[in-house]
Structure formats: C-alpha cells, structure tokens
Amino acid sequence: MNRFDRPKDATIDPLLGNDTLTKLHTSEFSVWTALTDLERGIFFFRGYNNLNFQKFTLESFKNESSAVFIKVNLEEAL
C-alpha cells in the first residue's frame, strides 16, 4: 500500500531558483491515503503522521444523523 504514497521532500521546487543557501522550497507529498472496498462498505485511512491504517465501515455510521469529523495528522505524545 505504500507504493502510491509520495514522501515529503522526495522532489522539491526551489522558490528562489537554485540557491541552496536559503533552503526555501515547496514540496508535494501525500497528506493522507485512503483505500475503499465498496462491495463490503469498508474504508481504510492513514494520515501522513500515522504508521498504520484506521478501518471504518459504513455500518458503523448508519445511525449518525449529521456529518462525522475525525482529526488526523495529530502529533501524539511518545
């Protein structure tokens, strides 16, 4: 599943040309990765700061009457 994640700083675009002294750049990376199994109603989600996927099922949300928000990419205390 890691084959389609894009690591931070794998490629960079310098903001000020090729000046390596300033180290100013932008980088594209995968903020989150999601896998879905529509046949079984299963959803796997992993944020950039997470090592493992979280599993959600459509069944677990069937009694919700409003949108459900789950915080991701939070720094956890070690």
PDB file of N, CA and C in Angstrom:
ATOM      1  N   MET A   1       0.813  -1.200   0.000  1.00  0.00           N
ATOM      2  CA  MET A   1       0.000   0.000   0.000  1.00  0.00           C
ATOM      3  C   MET A   1       0.856   1.263   0.000  1.00  0.00           C
ATOM      4  N   ASN A   2       2.124   1.147   0.345  1.00  0.00           N
ATOM      5  CA  ASN A   2       2.986   2.326   0.374  1.00  0.00           C
ATOM      6  C   ASN A   2       3.476   2.740  -1.007  1.00  0.00           C
ATOM      7  N   ARG A   3       3.211   1.973  -2.022  1.00  0.00           N
ATOM      8  CA  ARG A   3       3.738   2.266  -3.353  1.00  0.00           C
ATOM      9  C   ARG A   3       3.164   3.532  -3.971  1.00  0.00           C
ATOM     10  N   PHE A   4       2.014   3.979  -3.515  1.00  0.00           N
ATOM     11  CA  PHE A   4       1.454   5.186  -4.114  1.00  0.00           C
ATOM     12  C   PHE A   4       1.517   6.389  -3.186  1.00  0.00           C
ATOM     13  N   ASP A   5       2.155   6.270  -2.025  1.00  0.00           N
ATOM     14  CA  ASP A   5       2.382   7.431  -1.163  1.00  0.00           C
ATOM     15  C   ASP A   5       3.559   8.230  -1.700  1.00  0.00           C
ATOM     16  N   ARG A   6       3.468   9.526  -1.589  1.00  0.00           N
ATOM     17  CA  ARG A   6       4.551  10.401  -2.027  1.00  0.00           C
ATOM     18  C   ARG A   6       5.189  11.009  -0.776  1.00  0.00           C
ATOM     19  N   PRO A   7       6.433  10.611  -0.433  1.00  0.00           N
ATOM     20  CA  PRO A   7       7.090  11.133   0.767  1.00  0.00           C
ATOM     21  C   PRO A   7       7.402  12.625   0.653  1.00  0.00           C
ATOM     22  N   LYS A   8       7.387  13.305   1.783  1.00  0.00           N
ATOM     23  CA  LYS A   8       7.706  14.727   1.821  1.00  0.00           C
ATOM     24  C   LYS A   8       9.150  14.939   1.378  1.00  0.00           C
ATOM     25  N   ASP A   9       9.365  15.955   0.566  1.00  0.00           N
ATOM     26  CA  ASP A   9      10.674  16.358   0.035  1.00  0.00           C
ATOM     27  C   ASP A   9      11.305  15.339  -0.918  1.00  0.00           C
ATOM     28  N   ALA A  10      10.513  14.403  -1.468  1.00  0.00           N
ATOM     29  CA  ALA A  10      11.049  13.491  -2.484  1.00  0.00           C
ATOM     30  C   ALA A  10      11.460  14.298  -3.710  1.00  0.00           C
ATOM     31  N   THR A  11      10.665  15.289  -4.054  1.00  0.00           N
ATOM     32  CA  THR A  11      11.018  16.262  -5.090  1.00  0.00           C
ATOM     33  C   THR A  11      10.677  17.635  -4.545  1.00  0.00           C
ATOM     34  N   ILE A  12      11.466  18.613  -4.904  1.00  0.00           N
ATOM     35  CA  ILE A  12      11.222  19.971  -4.421  1.00  0.00           C
ATOM     36  C   ILE A  12      11.287  20.964  -5.574  1.00  0.00           C
ATOM     37  N   ASP A  13      10.611  22.084  -5.393  1.00  0.00           N
ATOM     38  CA  ASP A  13      10.659  23.192  -6.333  1.00  0.00           C
ATOM     39  C   ASP A  13      11.218  24.402  -5.595  1.00  0.00           C
ATOM     40  N   PRO A  14      12.455  24.821  -5.920  1.00  0.00           N
ATOM     41  CA  PRO A  14      13.037  25.980  -5.246  1.00  0.00           C
ATOM     42  C   PRO A  14      12.222  27.245  -5.505  1.00  0.00           C
ATOM     43  N   LEU A  15      11.992  28.034  -4.471  1.00  0.00           N
ATOM     44  CA  LEU A  15      11.250  29.284  -4.610  1.00  0.00           C
ATOM     45  C   LEU A  15      12.127  30.403  -5.152  1.00  0.00           C
ATOM     46  N   LEU A  16      13.437  30.320  -4.915  1.00  0.00           N
ATOM     47  CA  LEU A  16      14.359  31.375  -5.334  1.00  0.00           C
ATOM     48  C   LEU A  16      15.412  30.830  -6.298  1.00  0.00           C
ATOM     49  N   GLY A  17      14.991  30.062  -7.271  1.00  0.00           N
ATOM     50  CA  GLY A  17      15.955  29.494  -8.210  1.00  0.00           C
ATOM     51  C   GLY A  17      16.694  28.328  -7.585  1.00  0.00           C
ATOM     52  N   ASN A  18      17.957  28.177  -7.911  1.00  0.00           N
ATOM     53  CA  ASN A  18      18.749  27.058  -7.397  1.00  0.00           C
ATOM     54  C   ASN A  18      19.624  27.443  -6.220  1.00  0.00           C
ATOM     55  N   ASP A  19      19.241  28.463  -5.479  1.00  0.00           N
ATOM     56  CA  ASP A  19      20.027  28.919  -4.333  1.00  0.00           C
ATOM     57  C   ASP A  19      19.886  27.922  -3.183  1.00  0.00           C
ATOM     58  N   THR A  20      20.923  27.154  -2.918  1.00  0.00           N
ATOM     59  CA  THR A  20      20.861  26.151  -1.850  1.00  0.00           C
ATOM     60  C   THR A  20      21.117  26.748  -0.477  1.00  0.00           C
ATOM     61  N   LEU A  21      21.550  28.007  -0.414  1.00  0.00           N
ATOM     62  CA  LEU A  21      21.826  28.624   0.884  1.00  0.00           C
ATOM     63  C   LEU A  21      20.546  28.955   1.648  1.00  0.00           C
ATOM     64  N   THR A  22      19.508  29.364   0.932  1.00  0.00           N
ATOM     65  CA  THR A  22      18.275  29.770   1.615  1.00  0.00           C
ATOM     66  C   THR A  22      17.394  28.583   1.987  1.00  0.00           C
ATOM     67  N   LYS A  23      17.510  27.485   1.281  1.00  0.00           N
ATOM     68  CA  LYS A  23      16.719  26.278   1.536  1.00  0.00           C
ATOM     69  C   LYS A  23      15.213  26.527   1.473  1.00  0.00           C
ATOM     70  N   LEU A  24      14.793  27.534   0.718  1.00  0.00           N
ATOM     71  CA  LEU A  24      13.370  27.803   0.551  1.00  0.00           C
ATOM     72  C   LEU A  24      12.846  26.988  -0.616  1.00  0.00           C
ATOM     73  N   HIS A  25      11.855  26.145  -0.345  1.00  0.00           N
ATOM     74  CA  HIS A  25      11.306  25.319  -1.404  1.00  0.00           C
ATOM     75  C   HIS A  25       9.891  24.872  -1.044  1.00  0.00           C
ATOM     76  N   THR A  26       9.184  24.401  -2.044  1.00  0.00           N
ATOM     77  CA  THR A  26       7.889  23.767  -1.825  1.00  0.00           C
ATOM     78  C   THR A  26       8.030  22.289  -2.160  1.00  0.00           C
ATOM     79  N   SER A  27       7.166  21.490  -1.597  1.00  0.00           N
ATOM     80  CA  SER A  27       7.217  20.053  -1.828  1.00  0.00           C
ATOM     81  C   SER A  27       5.802  19.498  -1.892  1.00  0.00           C
ATOM     82  N   GLU A  28       5.569  18.582  -2.823  1.00  0.00           N
ATOM     83  CA  GLU A  28       4.295  17.875  -2.884  1.00  0.00           C
ATOM     84  C   GLU A  28       4.453  16.551  -2.151  1.00  0.00           C
ATOM     85  N   PHE A  29       3.458  16.201  -1.327  1.00  0.00           N
ATOM     86  CA  PHE A  29       3.504  14.918  -0.638  1.00  0.00           C
ATOM     87  C   PHE A  29       2.093  14.468  -0.295  1.00  0.00           C
ATOM     88  N   SER A  30       1.940  13.183  -0.007  1.00  0.00           N
ATOM     89  CA  SER A  30       0.631  12.621   0.331  1.00  0.00           C
ATOM     90  C   SER A  30       0.281  12.993   1.766  1.00  0.00           C
ATOM     91  N   VAL A  31      -0.717  13.852   1.936  1.00  0.00           N
ATOM     92  CA  VAL A  31      -1.158  14.244   3.271  1.00  0.00           C
ATOM     93  C   VAL A  31      -1.943  13.096   3.905  1.00  0.00           C
ATOM     94  N   TRP A  32      -2.666  12.363   3.079  1.00  0.00           N
ATOM     95  CA  TRP A  32      -3.405  11.198   3.554  1.00  0.00           C
ATOM     96  C   TRP A  32      -3.551  10.200   2.420  1.00  0.00           C
ATOM     97  N   THR A  33      -3.795   8.956   2.793  1.00  0.00           N
ATOM     98  CA  THR A  33      -4.013   7.881   1.839  1.00  0.00           C
ATOM     99  C   THR A  33      -5.281   7.143   2.243  1.00  0.00           C
ATOM    100  N   ALA A  34      -6.119   6.828   1.276  1.00  0.00           N
ATOM    101  CA  ALA A  34      -7.370   6.123   1.561  1.00  0.00           C
ATOM    102  C   ALA A  34      -7.542   4.942   0.616  1.00  0.00           C
ATOM    103  N   LEU A  35      -8.059   3.859   1.151  1.00  0.00           N
ATOM    104  CA  LEU A  35      -8.397   2.670   0.375  1.00  0.00           C
ATOM    105  C   LEU A  35      -9.854   2.345   0.661  1.00  0.00           C
ATOM    106  N   THR A  36     -10.603   1.978  -0.360  1.00  0.00           N
ATOM    107  CA  THR A  36     -12.016   1.666  -0.152  1.00  0.00           C
ATOM    108  C   THR A  36     -12.367   0.306  -0.732  1.00  0.00           C
ATOM    109  N   ASP A  37     -13.253  -0.369  -0.053  1.00  0.00           N
ATOM    110  CA  ASP A  37     -13.836  -1.620  -0.530  1.00  0.00           C
ATOM    111  C   ASP A  37     -15.339  -1.377  -0.564  1.00  0.00           C
ATOM    112  N   LEU A  38     -15.835  -0.912  -1.698  1.00  0.00           N
ATOM    113  CA  LEU A  38     -17.240  -0.534  -1.814  1.00  0.00           C
ATOM    114  C   LEU A  38     -18.167  -1.736  -1.707  1.00  0.00           C
ATOM    115  N   GLU A  39     -17.703  -2.890  -2.131  1.00  0.00           N
ATOM    116  CA  GLU A  39     -18.538  -4.088  -2.068  1.00  0.00           C
ATOM    117  C   GLU A  39     -18.883  -4.461  -0.622  1.00  0.00           C
ATOM    118  N   ARG A  40     -17.913  -4.326   0.273  1.00  0.00           N
ATOM    119  CA  ARG A  40     -18.137  -4.657   1.686  1.00  0.00           C
ATOM    120  C   ARG A  40     -18.383  -3.421   2.550  1.00  0.00           C
ATOM    121  N   GLY A  41     -18.290  -2.221   1.979  1.00  0.00           N
ATOM    122  CA  GLY A  41     -18.523  -0.991   2.737  1.00  0.00           C
ATOM    123  C   GLY A  41     -17.442  -0.698   3.756  1.00  0.00           C
ATOM    124  N   ILE A  42     -16.188  -0.975   3.384  1.00  0.00           N
ATOM    125  CA  ILE A  42     -15.060  -0.770   4.293  1.00  0.00           C
ATOM    126  C   ILE A  42     -14.156   0.323   3.736  1.00  0.00           C
ATOM    127  N   PHE A  43     -13.645   1.168   4.631  1.00  0.00           N
ATOM    128  CA  PHE A  43     -12.809   2.298   4.268  1.00  0.00           C
ATOM    129  C   PHE A  43     -11.573   2.271   5.160  1.00  0.00           C
ATOM    130  N   PHE A  44     -10.387   2.318   4.565  1.00  0.00           N
ATOM    131  CA  PHE A  44      -9.132   2.387   5.313  1.00  0.00           C
ATOM    132  C   PHE A  44      -8.508   3.754   5.076  1.00  0.00           C
ATOM    133  N   PHE A  45      -8.012   4.373   6.135  1.00  0.00           N
ATOM    134  CA  PHE A  45      -7.490   5.732   6.053  1.00  0.00           C
ATOM    135  C   PHE A  45      -6.209   5.827   6.869  1.00  0.00           C
ATOM    136  N   ARG A  46      -5.213   6.551   6.305  1.00  0.00           N
ATOM    137  CA  ARG A  46      -3.969   6.801   7.038  1.00  0.00           C
ATOM    138  C   ARG A  46      -3.508   8.215   6.746  1.00  0.00           C
ATOM    139  N   GLY A  47      -3.239   8.978   7.790  1.00  0.00           N
ATOM    140  CA  GLY A  47      -2.690  10.319   7.644  1.00  0.00           C
ATOM    141  C   GLY A  47      -1.176  10.268   7.506  1.00  0.00           C
ATOM    142  N   TYR A  48      -0.567  11.372   7.113  1.00  0.00           N
ATOM    143  CA  TYR A  48       0.878  11.423   6.887  1.00  0.00           C
ATOM    144  C   TYR A  48       1.664  11.029   8.140  1.00  0.00           C
ATOM    145  N   ASN A  49       1.190  11.437   9.313  1.00  0.00           N
ATOM    146  CA  ASN A  49       1.898  11.147  10.559  1.00  0.00           C
ATOM    147  C   ASN A  49       1.563   9.784  11.150  1.00  0.00           C
ATOM    148  N   ASN A  50       0.729   9.008  10.482  1.00  0.00           N
ATOM    149  CA  ASN A  50       0.315   7.707  11.001  1.00  0.00           C
ATOM    150  C   ASN A  50       1.074   6.581  10.321  1.00  0.00           C
ATOM    151  N   LEU A  51       1.455   5.582  11.083  1.00  0.00           N
ATOM    152  CA  LEU A  51       2.123   4.410  10.526  1.00  0.00           C
ATOM    153  C   LEU A  51       1.105   3.396  10.015  1.00  0.00           C
ATOM    154  N   ASN A  52       0.008   3.241  10.748  1.00  0.00           N
ATOM    155  CA  ASN A  52      -0.999   2.235  10.414  1.00  0.00           C
ATOM    156  C   ASN A  52      -2.273   2.865   9.866  1.00  0.00           C
ATOM    157  N   PHE A  53      -3.024   2.062   9.138  1.00  0.00           N
ATOM    158  CA  PHE A  53      -4.323   2.485   8.623  1.00  0.00           C
ATOM    159  C   PHE A  53      -5.380   2.333   9.707  1.00  0.00           C
ATOM    160  N   GLN A  54      -6.366   3.225   9.701  1.00  0.00           N
ATOM    161  CA  GLN A  54      -7.550   3.100  10.541  1.00  0.00           C
ATOM    162  C   GLN A  54      -8.650   2.509   9.667  1.00  0.00           C
ATOM    163  N   LYS A  55      -9.444   1.624  10.237  1.00  0.00           N
ATOM    164  CA  LYS A  55     -10.520   0.980   9.486  1.00  0.00           C
ATOM    165  C   LYS A  55     -11.863   1.555   9.927  1.00  0.00           C
ATOM    166  N   PHE A  56     -12.686   1.912   8.947  1.00  0.00           N
ATOM    167  CA  PHE A  56     -14.039   2.388   9.193  1.00  0.00           C
ATOM    168  C   PHE A  56     -14.979   1.571   8.320  1.00  0.00           C
ATOM    169  N   THR A  57     -16.189   1.368   8.795  1.00  0.00           N
ATOM    170  CA  THR A  57     -17.194   0.692   7.985  1.00  0.00           C
ATOM    171  C   THR A  57     -18.409   1.597   7.848  1.00  0.00           C
ATOM    172  N   LEU A  58     -19.095   1.479   6.737  1.00  0.00           N
ATOM    173  CA  LEU A  58     -20.324   2.248   6.558  1.00  0.00           C
ATOM    174  C   LEU A  58     -21.350   1.851   7.612  1.00  0.00           C
ATOM    175  N   GLU A  59     -21.337   0.601   8.010  1.00  0.00           N
ATOM    176  CA  GLU A  59     -22.252   0.095   9.041  1.00  0.00           C
ATOM    177  C   GLU A  59     -22.088   0.865  10.356  1.00  0.00           C
ATOM    178  N   SER A  60     -20.850   1.227  10.706  1.00  0.00           N
ATOM    179  CA  SER A  60     -20.609   1.918  11.980  1.00  0.00           C
ATOM    180  C   SER A  60     -21.173   3.339  12.001  1.00  0.00           C
ATOM    181  N   PHE A  61     -21.498   3.888  10.839  1.00  0.00           N
ATOM    182  CA  PHE A  61     -22.029   5.251  10.769  1.00  0.00           C
ATOM    183  C   PHE A  61     -23.521   5.298  10.431  1.00  0.00           C
ATOM    184  N   LYS A  62     -24.172   4.152  10.380  1.00  0.00           N
ATOM    185  CA  LYS A  62     -25.563   4.118   9.906  1.00  0.00           C
ATOM    186  C   LYS A  62     -26.537   4.883  10.798  1.00  0.00           C
ATOM    187  N   ASN A  63     -26.227   5.049  12.079  1.00  0.00           N
ATOM    188  CA  ASN A  63     -27.131   5.752  12.994  1.00  0.00           C
ATOM    189  C   ASN A  63     -26.782   7.226  13.180  1.00  0.00           C
ATOM    190  N   GLU A  64     -25.765   7.704  12.488  1.00  0.00           N
ATOM    191  CA  GLU A  64     -25.374   9.112  12.600  1.00  0.00           C
ATOM    192  C   GLU A  64     -26.373   9.979  11.848  1.00  0.00           C
ATOM    193  N   SER A  65     -26.749  11.099  12.457  1.00  0.00           N
ATOM    194  CA  SER A  65     -27.715  11.998  11.813  1.00  0.00           C
ATOM    195  C   SER A  65     -27.048  13.239  11.228  1.00  0.00           C
ATOM    196  N   SER A  66     -25.734  13.384  11.473  1.00  0.00           N
ATOM    197  CA  SER A  66     -25.002  14.521  10.910  1.00  0.00           C
ATOM    198  C   SER A  66     -23.592  14.058  10.541  1.00  0.00           C
ATOM    199  N   ALA A  67     -22.859  14.939   9.899  1.00  0.00           N
ATOM    200  CA  ALA A  67     -21.501  14.607   9.451  1.00  0.00           C
ATOM    201  C   ALA A  67     -20.604  14.262  10.641  1.00  0.00           C
ATOM    202  N   VAL A  68     -19.700  13.316  10.430  1.00  0.00           N
ATOM    203  CA  VAL A  68     -18.747  12.897  11.452  1.00  0.00           C
ATOM    204  C   VAL A  68     -17.366  13.368  11.021  1.00  0.00           C
ATOM    205  N   PHE A  69     -16.662  14.060  11.904  1.00  0.00           N
ATOM    206  CA  PHE A  69     -15.321  14.564  11.608  1.00  0.00           C
ATOM    207  C   PHE A  69     -14.317  13.871  12.514  1.00  0.00           C
ATOM    208  N   ILE A  70     -13.224  13.414  11.926  1.00  0.00           N
ATOM    209  CA  ILE A  70     -12.175  12.736  12.674  1.00  0.00           C
ATOM    210  C   ILE A  70     -10.869  13.470  12.412  1.00  0.00           C
ATOM    211  N   LYS A  71     -10.206  13.913  13.482  1.00  0.00           N
ATOM    212  CA  LYS A  71      -8.942  14.637  13.331  1.00  0.00           C
ATOM    213  C   LYS A  71      -7.842  13.667  12.922  1.00  0.00           C
ATOM    214  N   VAL A  72      -7.011  14.109  11.976  1.00  0.00           N
ATOM    215  CA  VAL A  72      -5.900  13.281  11.503  1.00  0.00           C
ATOM    216  C   VAL A  72      -4.615  14.097  11.536  1.00  0.00           C
ATOM    217  N   ASN A  73      -3.504  13.404  11.422  1.00  0.00           N
ATOM    218  CA  ASN A  73      -2.179  14.022  11.385  1.00  0.00           C
ATOM    219  C   ASN A  73      -1.859  14.811  12.641  1.00  0.00           C
ATOM    220  N   LEU A  74      -2.333  14.332  13.785  1.00  0.00           N
ATOM    221  CA  LEU A  74      -2.014  14.970  15.053  1.00  0.00           C
ATOM    222  C   LEU A  74      -0.743  14.354  15.607  1.00  0.00           C
ATOM    223  N   GLU A  75       0.093  15.179  16.196  1.00  0.00           N
ATOM    224  CA  GLU A  75       1.305  14.675  16.831  1.00  0.00           C
ATOM    225  C   GLU A  75       0.900  13.994  18.129  1.00  0.00           C
ATOM    226  N   GLU A  76       1.308  12.750  18.306  1.00  0.00           N
ATOM    227  CA  GLU A  76       0.994  12.023  19.524  1.00  0.00           C
ATOM    228  C   GLU A  76       2.186  12.073  20.465  1.00  0.00           C
ATOM    229  N   ALA A  77       1.889  12.186  21.761  1.00  0.00           N
ATOM    230  CA  ALA A  77       2.952  12.179  22.763  1.00  0.00           C
ATOM    231  C   ALA A  77       3.547  10.779  22.856  1.00  0.00           C
ATOM    232  N   LEU A  78       4.862  10.695  22.894  1.00  0.00           N
ATOM    233  CA  LEU A  78       5.522   9.383  22.982  1.00  0.00           C
ATOM    234  C   LEU A  78       5.637   8.929  24.412  1.00  0.00           C
TER     235      LEU A  78
END
